[in-house]
Amino acid sequence: MLNKMNSLNLLSSAAVITFVIFTSIIETSEAIKCYKCTILPPPIYSNETSRLCAFFDYTDKYIVDCPYSTFCIKRIFTVYLSDAINGTLRGCAPQRNDYQVYKNNKWQMQVNVEEPYEEGCTNVDDKGQRISKPTHCYCRGDLCNGNASFTNINFALNSILTVIICLLSL
């Protein structure tokens, strides 16, 4: 009787773990949401919403869908004029690659989302300009480019939930 209960607990734990992993996979296949802000306002003739980094406040106004990205980006830079001026830009990581393919006797536009980045921050080579020291930080997970640390919060929560469920079933 005790063995049957242990195997039932083990099966239910395995089912929950499978569900958590499955929901993590589904979540990463949808369009990612990132914070977006710019230094300059958009042109007057465009229909784009003004999202200035100078007024960035984590509200819905700064949230955008990124259908052609699997990463968010946060660009941090310092410009040295008379004083050091720090700036931060946020947005979808540029991953969209448009190209043409010749099919059925005609050229057709194809879109591919490339995976050129790894999670984390890198210092960008300024090519000797010495006016800026940019750092580009790439992260996966909705709104991850608003955080000081770049971890996938959803993955961390799912991992913690899995451990708790396994411990409860013992």
N, C-alpha and C. Protein backbone atom coordinates (compact mmCIF):
# COMPACT_ATOMS: atom_id res chain seq x y z
N MET A 1 0.82 -1.20 0.00
CA MET A 1 0.00 0.00 0.00
C MET A 1 0.87 1.27 0.00
N LEU A 2 1.93 1.24 0.80
CA LEU A 2 2.84 2.38 0.89
C LEU A 2 3.57 2.59 -0.43
N ASN A 3 3.96 1.50 -1.09
CA ASN A 3 4.63 1.61 -2.38
C ASN A 3 3.72 2.22 -3.44
N LYS A 4 2.42 1.86 -3.40
CA LYS A 4 1.47 2.43 -4.36
C LYS A 4 1.32 3.93 -4.15
N MET A 5 1.28 4.36 -2.88
CA MET A 5 1.15 5.79 -2.60
C MET A 5 2.40 6.54 -3.05
N ASN A 6 3.57 5.97 -2.81
CA ASN A 6 4.81 6.60 -3.25
C ASN A 6 4.87 6.72 -4.76
N SER A 7 4.45 5.65 -5.46
CA SER A 7 4.47 5.71 -6.92
C SER A 7 3.43 6.70 -7.44
N LEU A 8 2.28 6.81 -6.76
CA LEU A 8 1.28 7.81 -7.16
C LEU A 8 1.82 9.22 -6.96
N ASN A 9 2.48 9.47 -5.82
CA ASN A 9 3.08 10.78 -5.58
C ASN A 9 4.15 11.09 -6.61
N LEU A 10 4.93 10.08 -6.96
CA LEU A 10 5.99 10.26 -7.96
C LEU A 10 5.39 10.58 -9.32
N LEU A 11 4.31 9.87 -9.68
CA LEU A 11 3.64 10.13 -10.97
C LEU A 11 3.03 11.53 -11.00
N SER A 12 2.39 11.94 -9.91
CA SER A 12 1.79 13.28 -9.90
C SER A 12 2.87 14.35 -9.95
N SER A 13 3.99 14.11 -9.28
CA SER A 13 5.10 15.06 -9.35
C SER A 13 5.66 15.15 -10.77
N ALA A 14 5.79 14.00 -11.42
CA ALA A 14 6.29 13.98 -12.79
C ALA A 14 5.34 14.72 -13.72
N ALA A 15 4.03 14.56 -13.49
CA ALA A 15 3.04 15.26 -14.33
C ALA A 15 3.15 16.77 -14.14
N VAL A 16 3.31 17.20 -12.91
CA VAL A 16 3.43 18.64 -12.64
C VAL A 16 4.71 19.19 -13.25
N ILE A 17 5.81 18.47 -13.11
CA ILE A 17 7.08 18.91 -13.69
C ILE A 17 6.96 19.01 -15.21
N THR A 18 6.32 18.02 -15.82
CA THR A 18 6.11 18.05 -17.28
C THR A 18 5.28 19.26 -17.67
N PHE A 19 4.23 19.55 -16.90
CA PHE A 19 3.38 20.71 -17.19
C PHE A 19 4.17 22.01 -17.08
N VAL A 20 4.98 22.14 -16.05
CA VAL A 20 5.77 23.36 -15.85
C VAL A 20 6.75 23.55 -17.00
N ILE A 21 7.43 22.48 -17.39
CA ILE A 21 8.37 22.57 -18.51
C ILE A 21 7.64 22.91 -19.79
N PHE A 22 6.49 22.28 -20.02
CA PHE A 22 5.71 22.53 -21.24
C PHE A 22 5.25 23.99 -21.30
N THR A 23 4.78 24.54 -20.18
CA THR A 23 4.34 25.94 -20.19
C THR A 23 5.51 26.88 -20.40
N SER A 24 6.70 26.51 -19.93
CA SER A 24 7.89 27.33 -20.17
C SER A 24 8.23 27.36 -21.64
N ILE A 25 8.12 26.22 -22.30
CA ILE A 25 8.43 26.14 -23.73
C ILE A 25 7.42 26.93 -24.53
N ILE A 26 6.15 26.81 -24.21
CA ILE A 26 5.11 27.55 -24.93
C ILE A 26 5.32 29.04 -24.78
N GLU A 27 5.64 29.47 -23.58
CA GLU A 27 5.81 30.90 -23.32
C GLU A 27 6.94 31.50 -24.14
N THR A 28 8.03 30.76 -24.33
CA THR A 28 9.15 31.31 -25.07
C THR A 28 8.90 31.32 -26.56
N SER A 29 7.89 30.59 -27.05
CA SER A 29 7.63 30.57 -28.48
C SER A 29 6.75 31.73 -28.92
N GLU A 30 6.10 32.42 -28.00
CA GLU A 30 5.28 33.57 -28.33
C GLU A 30 6.17 34.80 -28.46
N ALA A 31 5.57 35.88 -28.99
CA ALA A 31 6.32 37.14 -29.12
C ALA A 31 6.69 37.65 -27.74
N ILE A 32 7.91 38.08 -27.63
CA ILE A 32 8.40 38.61 -26.36
C ILE A 32 7.94 40.06 -26.23
N LYS A 33 7.74 40.52 -25.00
CA LYS A 33 7.41 41.91 -24.72
C LYS A 33 8.63 42.55 -24.07
N CYS A 34 8.96 43.73 -24.55
CA CYS A 34 10.12 44.45 -24.02
C CYS A 34 9.73 45.89 -23.70
N TYR A 35 10.50 46.50 -22.82
CA TYR A 35 10.37 47.94 -22.64
C TYR A 35 11.11 48.61 -23.79
N LYS A 36 10.54 49.71 -24.29
CA LYS A 36 11.18 50.46 -25.37
C LYS A 36 11.20 51.93 -25.00
N CYS A 37 12.39 52.54 -25.11
CA CYS A 37 12.49 53.98 -24.97
C CYS A 37 13.65 54.47 -25.82
N THR A 38 13.53 55.72 -26.27
CA THR A 38 14.52 56.31 -27.17
C THR A 38 14.99 57.65 -26.61
N ILE A 39 16.08 58.15 -27.17
CA ILE A 39 16.59 59.45 -26.74
C ILE A 39 15.84 60.57 -27.43
N LEU A 40 15.59 60.40 -28.73
CA LEU A 40 14.89 61.42 -29.52
C LEU A 40 13.44 61.03 -29.73
N PRO A 41 12.54 62.01 -29.81
CA PRO A 41 11.15 61.69 -30.12
C PRO A 41 11.02 61.24 -31.57
N PRO A 42 9.97 60.48 -31.89
CA PRO A 42 9.78 60.06 -33.28
C PRO A 42 9.43 61.26 -34.15
N PRO A 43 9.61 61.14 -35.47
CA PRO A 43 9.24 62.25 -36.36
C PRO A 43 7.76 62.61 -36.20
N ILE A 44 7.44 63.87 -36.40
CA ILE A 44 6.08 64.36 -36.22
C ILE A 44 5.11 63.65 -37.16
N TYR A 45 5.54 63.33 -38.37
CA TYR A 45 4.66 62.73 -39.37
C TYR A 45 4.43 61.23 -39.15
N SER A 46 5.08 60.63 -38.16
CA SER A 46 4.88 59.19 -37.93
C SER A 46 3.76 58.98 -36.91
N ASN A 47 3.20 57.80 -36.91
CA ASN A 47 2.15 57.46 -35.94
C ASN A 47 2.73 56.78 -34.70
N GLU A 48 4.04 56.83 -34.55
CA GLU A 48 4.69 56.15 -33.44
C GLU A 48 4.53 56.94 -32.15
N THR A 49 4.30 56.22 -31.06
CA THR A 49 4.17 56.84 -29.74
C THR A 49 5.53 57.32 -29.26
N SER A 50 5.56 58.49 -28.66
CA SER A 50 6.80 59.01 -28.10
C SER A 50 7.09 58.28 -26.79
N ARG A 51 8.25 57.64 -26.73
CA ARG A 51 8.67 56.89 -25.54
C ARG A 51 10.08 57.35 -25.17
N LEU A 52 10.18 58.51 -24.59
CA LEU A 52 11.50 59.06 -24.27
C LEU A 52 12.07 58.42 -23.00
N CYS A 53 13.33 58.04 -23.08
CA CYS A 53 14.00 57.42 -21.93
C CYS A 53 14.11 58.39 -20.75
N ALA A 54 14.13 59.68 -21.03
CA ALA A 54 14.22 60.67 -19.96
C ALA A 54 13.01 60.60 -19.03
N PHE A 55 11.89 60.09 -19.53
CA PHE A 55 10.67 59.99 -18.74
C PHE A 55 10.27 58.54 -18.46
N PHE A 56 11.17 57.60 -18.68
CA PHE A 56 10.87 56.18 -18.52
C PHE A 56 10.38 55.88 -17.11
N ASP A 57 9.21 55.21 -17.00
CA ASP A 57 8.61 54.96 -15.69
C ASP A 57 7.99 53.56 -15.54
N TYR A 58 8.33 52.63 -16.41
CA TYR A 58 7.86 51.24 -16.34
C TYR A 58 6.36 51.09 -16.57
N THR A 59 5.68 52.08 -17.09
CA THR A 59 4.25 51.97 -17.35
C THR A 59 4.00 51.27 -18.69
N ASP A 60 2.72 50.96 -18.94
CA ASP A 60 2.33 50.26 -20.17
C ASP A 60 2.71 51.03 -21.43
N LYS A 61 2.85 52.33 -21.33
CA LYS A 61 3.21 53.15 -22.49
C LYS A 61 4.54 52.69 -23.09
N TYR A 62 5.42 52.16 -22.27
CA TYR A 62 6.76 51.77 -22.71
C TYR A 62 6.87 50.28 -23.09
N ILE A 63 5.76 49.54 -23.02
CA ILE A 63 5.77 48.11 -23.34
C ILE A 63 5.41 47.92 -24.81
N VAL A 64 6.25 47.16 -25.53
CA VAL A 64 5.99 46.87 -26.95
C VAL A 64 6.11 45.36 -27.18
N ASP A 65 5.39 44.88 -28.19
CA ASP A 65 5.54 43.49 -28.64
C ASP A 65 6.72 43.43 -29.59
N CYS A 66 7.45 42.35 -29.55
CA CYS A 66 8.62 42.16 -30.41
C CYS A 66 8.46 40.87 -31.21
N PRO A 67 7.66 40.88 -32.27
CA PRO A 67 7.40 39.65 -33.02
C PRO A 67 8.63 39.11 -33.74
N TYR A 68 9.63 39.94 -33.98
CA TYR A 68 10.82 39.49 -34.70
C TYR A 68 12.05 39.46 -33.80
N SER A 69 11.83 39.28 -32.50
CA SER A 69 12.94 39.18 -31.55
C SER A 69 12.65 38.09 -30.53
N THR A 70 13.69 37.48 -30.06
CA THR A 70 13.59 36.54 -28.95
C THR A 70 14.36 37.09 -27.74
N PHE A 71 14.95 38.26 -27.90
CA PHE A 71 15.70 38.93 -26.84
C PHE A 71 15.23 40.37 -26.71
N CYS A 72 15.34 40.90 -25.51
CA CYS A 72 15.22 42.34 -25.29
C CYS A 72 16.65 42.87 -25.15
N ILE A 73 16.80 44.16 -25.39
CA ILE A 73 18.12 44.78 -25.27
C ILE A 73 18.02 46.02 -24.39
N LYS A 74 19.08 46.24 -23.64
CA LYS A 74 19.23 47.47 -22.86
C LYS A 74 20.62 47.99 -23.18
N ARG A 75 20.69 49.18 -23.77
CA ARG A 75 21.98 49.79 -24.13
C ARG A 75 22.30 50.87 -23.11
N ILE A 76 23.42 50.73 -22.49
CA ILE A 76 23.86 51.69 -21.47
C ILE A 76 25.11 52.37 -22.00
N PHE A 77 25.14 53.68 -21.95
CA PHE A 77 26.30 54.38 -22.49
C PHE A 77 26.60 55.63 -21.67
N THR A 78 27.82 56.09 -21.79
CA THR A 78 28.26 57.33 -21.18
C THR A 78 28.94 58.15 -22.25
N VAL A 79 28.50 59.39 -22.40
CA VAL A 79 29.11 60.32 -23.35
C VAL A 79 29.90 61.34 -22.54
N TYR A 80 31.15 61.53 -22.93
CA TYR A 80 32.01 62.47 -22.21
C TYR A 80 32.11 63.77 -22.99
N LEU A 81 31.41 64.79 -22.51
CA LEU A 81 31.52 66.13 -23.08
C LEU A 81 32.24 66.96 -22.02
N SER A 82 31.65 68.02 -21.53
CA SER A 82 32.28 68.73 -20.42
C SER A 82 32.11 67.92 -19.13
N ASP A 83 30.99 67.21 -19.02
CA ASP A 83 30.73 66.28 -17.92
C ASP A 83 30.32 64.94 -18.52
N ALA A 84 30.32 63.91 -17.71
CA ALA A 84 29.86 62.60 -18.18
C ALA A 84 28.34 62.58 -18.18
N ILE A 85 27.76 62.19 -19.29
CA ILE A 85 26.31 62.08 -19.42
C ILE A 85 25.98 60.60 -19.62
N ASN A 86 25.19 60.05 -18.70
CA ASN A 86 24.81 58.64 -18.79
C ASN A 86 23.46 58.52 -19.49
N GLY A 87 23.31 57.47 -20.27
CA GLY A 87 22.05 57.23 -20.96
C GLY A 87 21.74 55.75 -21.02
N THR A 88 20.46 55.45 -21.16
CA THR A 88 20.01 54.06 -21.29
C THR A 88 18.92 54.01 -22.34
N LEU A 89 19.08 53.12 -23.30
CA LEU A 89 18.06 52.86 -24.32
C LEU A 89 17.53 51.46 -24.10
N ARG A 90 16.25 51.26 -24.35
CA ARG A 90 15.66 49.93 -24.21
C ARG A 90 14.87 49.61 -25.46
N GLY A 91 14.76 48.31 -25.78
CA GLY A 91 13.95 47.91 -26.93
C GLY A 91 14.07 46.43 -27.24
N CYS A 92 13.58 46.08 -28.43
CA CYS A 92 13.67 44.72 -28.95
C CYS A 92 15.05 44.56 -29.58
N ALA A 93 15.69 43.44 -29.34
CA ALA A 93 17.00 43.20 -29.95
C ALA A 93 16.82 43.03 -31.46
N PRO A 94 17.68 43.65 -32.27
CA PRO A 94 17.55 43.51 -33.73
C PRO A 94 17.97 42.11 -34.17
N GLN A 95 16.99 41.30 -34.56
CA GLN A 95 17.25 39.92 -34.97
C GLN A 95 16.60 39.58 -36.31
N ARG A 96 15.81 40.47 -36.84
CA ARG A 96 15.09 40.19 -38.08
C ARG A 96 16.04 40.25 -39.27
N ASN A 97 15.99 39.21 -40.10
CA ASN A 97 16.80 39.14 -41.32
C ASN A 97 15.85 38.95 -42.50
N ASP A 98 15.73 39.99 -43.34
CA ASP A 98 14.90 39.91 -44.55
C ASP A 98 15.78 39.53 -45.72
N TYR A 99 15.33 38.59 -46.51
CA TYR A 99 16.07 38.19 -47.71
C TYR A 99 15.08 37.69 -48.75
N GLN A 100 15.56 37.55 -49.98
CA GLN A 100 14.69 37.10 -51.06
C GLN A 100 15.09 35.71 -51.53
N VAL A 101 14.08 34.94 -51.89
CA VAL A 101 14.27 33.58 -52.39
C VAL A 101 13.57 33.48 -53.74
N TYR A 102 14.23 32.83 -54.69
CA TYR A 102 13.64 32.65 -56.02
C TYR A 102 12.87 31.33 -56.03
N LYS A 103 11.51 31.43 -56.07
CA LYS A 103 10.65 30.26 -56.08
C LYS A 103 9.55 30.45 -57.12
N ASN A 104 9.25 29.38 -57.84
CA ASN A 104 8.18 29.41 -58.84
C ASN A 104 8.34 30.55 -59.83
N ASN A 105 9.56 30.74 -60.31
CA ASN A 105 9.89 31.75 -61.32
C ASN A 105 9.68 33.19 -60.86
N LYS A 106 9.74 33.43 -59.55
CA LYS A 106 9.65 34.81 -59.07
C LYS A 106 10.36 34.93 -57.72
N TRP A 107 10.76 36.14 -57.42
CA TRP A 107 11.42 36.43 -56.16
C TRP A 107 10.38 36.65 -55.08
N GLN A 108 10.61 36.06 -53.91
CA GLN A 108 9.69 36.21 -52.78
C GLN A 108 10.48 36.63 -51.54
N MET A 109 9.90 37.56 -50.80
CA MET A 109 10.54 38.04 -49.57
C MET A 109 10.36 37.00 -48.47
N GLN A 110 11.43 36.69 -47.78
CA GLN A 110 11.41 35.77 -46.65
C GLN A 110 11.92 36.52 -45.42
N VAL A 111 11.38 36.18 -44.27
CA VAL A 111 11.80 36.78 -43.01
C VAL A 111 12.28 35.67 -42.10
N ASN A 112 13.44 35.87 -41.51
CA ASN A 112 14.00 34.90 -40.59
C ASN A 112 14.43 35.64 -39.32
N VAL A 113 14.16 35.06 -38.17
CA VAL A 113 14.62 35.63 -36.90
C VAL A 113 15.90 34.91 -36.51
N GLU A 114 17.02 35.63 -36.55
CA GLU A 114 18.33 35.06 -36.24
C GLU A 114 18.53 35.00 -34.72
N GLU A 115 19.47 34.20 -34.28
CA GLU A 115 19.81 34.06 -32.86
C GLU A 115 21.29 34.40 -32.64
N PRO A 116 21.69 35.67 -32.86
CA PRO A 116 23.12 36.00 -32.78
C PRO A 116 23.62 36.34 -31.38
N TYR A 117 22.73 36.42 -30.39
CA TYR A 117 23.13 36.92 -29.08
C TYR A 117 23.11 35.82 -28.02
N GLU A 118 23.81 36.09 -26.94
CA GLU A 118 23.75 35.28 -25.73
C GLU A 118 23.28 36.20 -24.61
N GLU A 119 22.61 35.63 -23.61
CA GLU A 119 22.16 36.44 -22.50
C GLU A 119 23.35 37.01 -21.74
N GLY A 120 23.21 38.25 -21.31
CA GLY A 120 24.26 38.89 -20.54
C GLY A 120 24.68 40.21 -21.16
N CYS A 121 25.65 40.84 -20.56
CA CYS A 121 26.11 42.16 -21.00
C CYS A 121 27.51 42.07 -21.60
N THR A 122 27.73 42.88 -22.64
CA THR A 122 29.04 42.96 -23.27
C THR A 122 29.38 44.42 -23.51
N ASN A 123 30.66 44.76 -23.35
CA ASN A 123 31.12 46.10 -23.68
C ASN A 123 31.37 46.13 -25.18
N VAL A 124 30.86 47.16 -25.83
CA VAL A 124 30.97 47.28 -27.28
C VAL A 124 32.22 48.07 -27.62
N ASP A 125 32.96 47.61 -28.61
CA ASP A 125 34.17 48.29 -29.07
C ASP A 125 33.77 49.63 -29.68
N ASP A 126 34.34 50.72 -29.17
CA ASP A 126 33.99 52.05 -29.68
C ASP A 126 34.82 52.45 -30.89
N LYS A 127 35.62 51.55 -31.42
CA LYS A 127 36.43 51.78 -32.64
C LYS A 127 37.32 53.01 -32.51
N GLY A 128 37.80 53.28 -31.29
CA GLY A 128 38.72 54.38 -31.08
C GLY A 128 38.09 55.75 -30.99
N GLN A 129 36.77 55.85 -30.96
CA GLN A 129 36.12 57.17 -30.92
C GLN A 129 36.31 57.86 -29.58
N ARG A 130 36.33 57.11 -28.52
CA ARG A 130 36.57 57.63 -27.17
C ARG A 130 35.55 58.67 -26.72
N ILE A 131 34.36 58.68 -27.33
CA ILE A 131 33.33 59.59 -26.85
C ILE A 131 32.25 58.85 -26.07
N SER A 132 32.26 57.54 -26.15
CA SER A 132 31.23 56.76 -25.49
C SER A 132 31.79 55.41 -25.08
N LYS A 133 31.24 54.86 -24.04
CA LYS A 133 31.59 53.50 -23.60
C LYS A 133 30.29 52.71 -23.50
N PRO A 134 29.80 52.19 -24.64
CA PRO A 134 28.51 51.50 -24.60
C PRO A 134 28.61 50.07 -24.07
N THR A 135 27.57 49.67 -23.37
CA THR A 135 27.39 48.29 -22.93
C THR A 135 26.03 47.84 -23.44
N HIS A 136 25.99 46.68 -24.09
CA HIS A 136 24.74 46.11 -24.58
C HIS A 136 24.40 44.90 -23.73
N CYS A 137 23.20 44.90 -23.16
CA CYS A 137 22.75 43.78 -22.34
C CYS A 137 21.56 43.12 -23.02
N TYR A 138 21.66 41.81 -23.23
CA TYR A 138 20.61 41.03 -23.89
C TYR A 138 19.99 40.08 -22.87
N CYS A 139 18.67 39.95 -22.92
CA CYS A 139 17.98 39.06 -21.99
C CYS A 139 16.75 38.47 -22.65
N ARG A 140 16.35 37.30 -22.17
CA ARG A 140 15.13 36.63 -22.63
C ARG A 140 14.09 36.74 -21.53
N GLY A 141 12.86 36.91 -21.92
CA GLY A 141 11.78 36.98 -20.93
C GLY A 141 11.09 38.32 -21.03
N ASP A 142 9.78 38.30 -20.86
CA ASP A 142 9.00 39.52 -20.97
C ASP A 142 9.49 40.59 -20.01
N LEU A 143 9.72 41.77 -20.54
CA LEU A 143 10.07 42.98 -19.79
C LEU A 143 11.36 42.84 -18.98
N CYS A 144 12.23 41.95 -19.42
CA CYS A 144 13.47 41.71 -18.68
C CYS A 144 14.44 42.89 -18.79
N ASN A 145 14.29 43.75 -19.81
CA ASN A 145 15.22 44.86 -19.97
C ASN A 145 14.87 46.05 -19.10
N GLY A 146 13.94 45.87 -18.18
CA GLY A 146 13.66 46.90 -17.19
C GLY A 146 14.38 46.62 -15.89
N ASN A 147 14.89 45.42 -15.75
CA ASN A 147 15.54 44.99 -14.51
C ASN A 147 17.02 45.36 -14.50
N ALA A 148 17.55 45.46 -13.30
CA ALA A 148 18.99 45.68 -13.17
C ALA A 148 19.74 44.39 -13.50
N SER A 149 19.17 43.25 -13.12
CA SER A 149 19.79 41.97 -13.46
C SER A 149 19.03 41.38 -14.65
N PHE A 150 19.71 40.59 -15.44
CA PHE A 150 19.12 40.07 -16.67
C PHE A 150 18.93 38.57 -16.57
N THR A 151 17.94 38.17 -15.81
CA THR A 151 17.60 36.75 -15.72
C THR A 151 16.18 36.57 -16.18
N ASN A 152 15.87 35.40 -16.64
CA ASN A 152 14.51 35.10 -17.05
C ASN A 152 13.70 34.79 -15.80
N ILE A 153 12.88 35.73 -15.40
CA ILE A 153 12.10 35.59 -14.17
C ILE A 153 11.16 34.41 -14.26
N ASN A 154 10.52 34.20 -15.42
CA ASN A 154 9.58 33.10 -15.57
C ASN A 154 10.26 31.76 -15.36
N PHE A 155 11.45 31.60 -15.91
CA PHE A 155 12.18 30.35 -15.74
C PHE A 155 12.53 30.14 -14.27
N ALA A 156 12.95 31.19 -13.59
CA ALA A 156 13.31 31.07 -12.17
C ALA A 156 12.09 30.68 -11.34
N LEU A 157 10.94 31.31 -11.60
CA LEU A 157 9.73 30.98 -10.86
C LEU A 157 9.31 29.54 -11.12
N ASN A 158 9.37 29.11 -12.37
CA ASN A 158 9.01 27.73 -12.69
C ASN A 158 9.95 26.74 -12.01
N SER A 159 11.23 27.07 -11.94
CA SER A 159 12.20 26.19 -11.29
C SER A 159 11.91 26.08 -9.80
N ILE A 160 11.62 27.20 -9.16
CA ILE A 160 11.31 27.20 -7.73
C ILE A 160 10.04 26.41 -7.47
N LEU A 161 9.02 26.60 -8.30
CA LEU A 161 7.76 25.87 -8.16
C LEU A 161 8.00 24.37 -8.29
N THR A 162 8.82 23.96 -9.23
CA THR A 162 9.12 22.54 -9.43
C THR A 162 9.78 21.95 -8.20
N VAL A 163 10.75 22.65 -7.62
CA VAL A 163 11.45 22.15 -6.43
C VAL A 163 10.49 22.03 -5.26
N ILE A 164 9.63 23.02 -5.07
CA ILE A 164 8.67 22.99 -3.96
C ILE A 164 7.73 21.80 -4.10
N ILE A 165 7.22 21.58 -5.30
CA ILE A 165 6.29 20.46 -5.53
C ILE A 165 6.98 19.13 -5.28
N CYS A 166 8.22 19.01 -5.72
CA CYS A 166 8.96 17.76 -5.49
C CYS A 166 9.17 17.52 -4.00
N LEU A 167 9.48 18.58 -3.25
CA LEU A 167 9.70 18.43 -1.81
C LEU A 167 8.40 18.08 -1.09
N LEU A 168 7.28 18.66 -1.52
CA LEU A 168 6.00 18.36 -0.89
C LEU A 168 5.55 16.93 -1.15
N SER A 169 5.95 16.37 -2.27
CA SER A 169 5.49 15.02 -2.60
C SER A 169 6.33 13.93 -1.93
N LEU A 170 7.40 14.31 -1.24
CA LEU A 170 8.24 13.29 -0.58
C LEU A 170 7.62 12.77 0.68
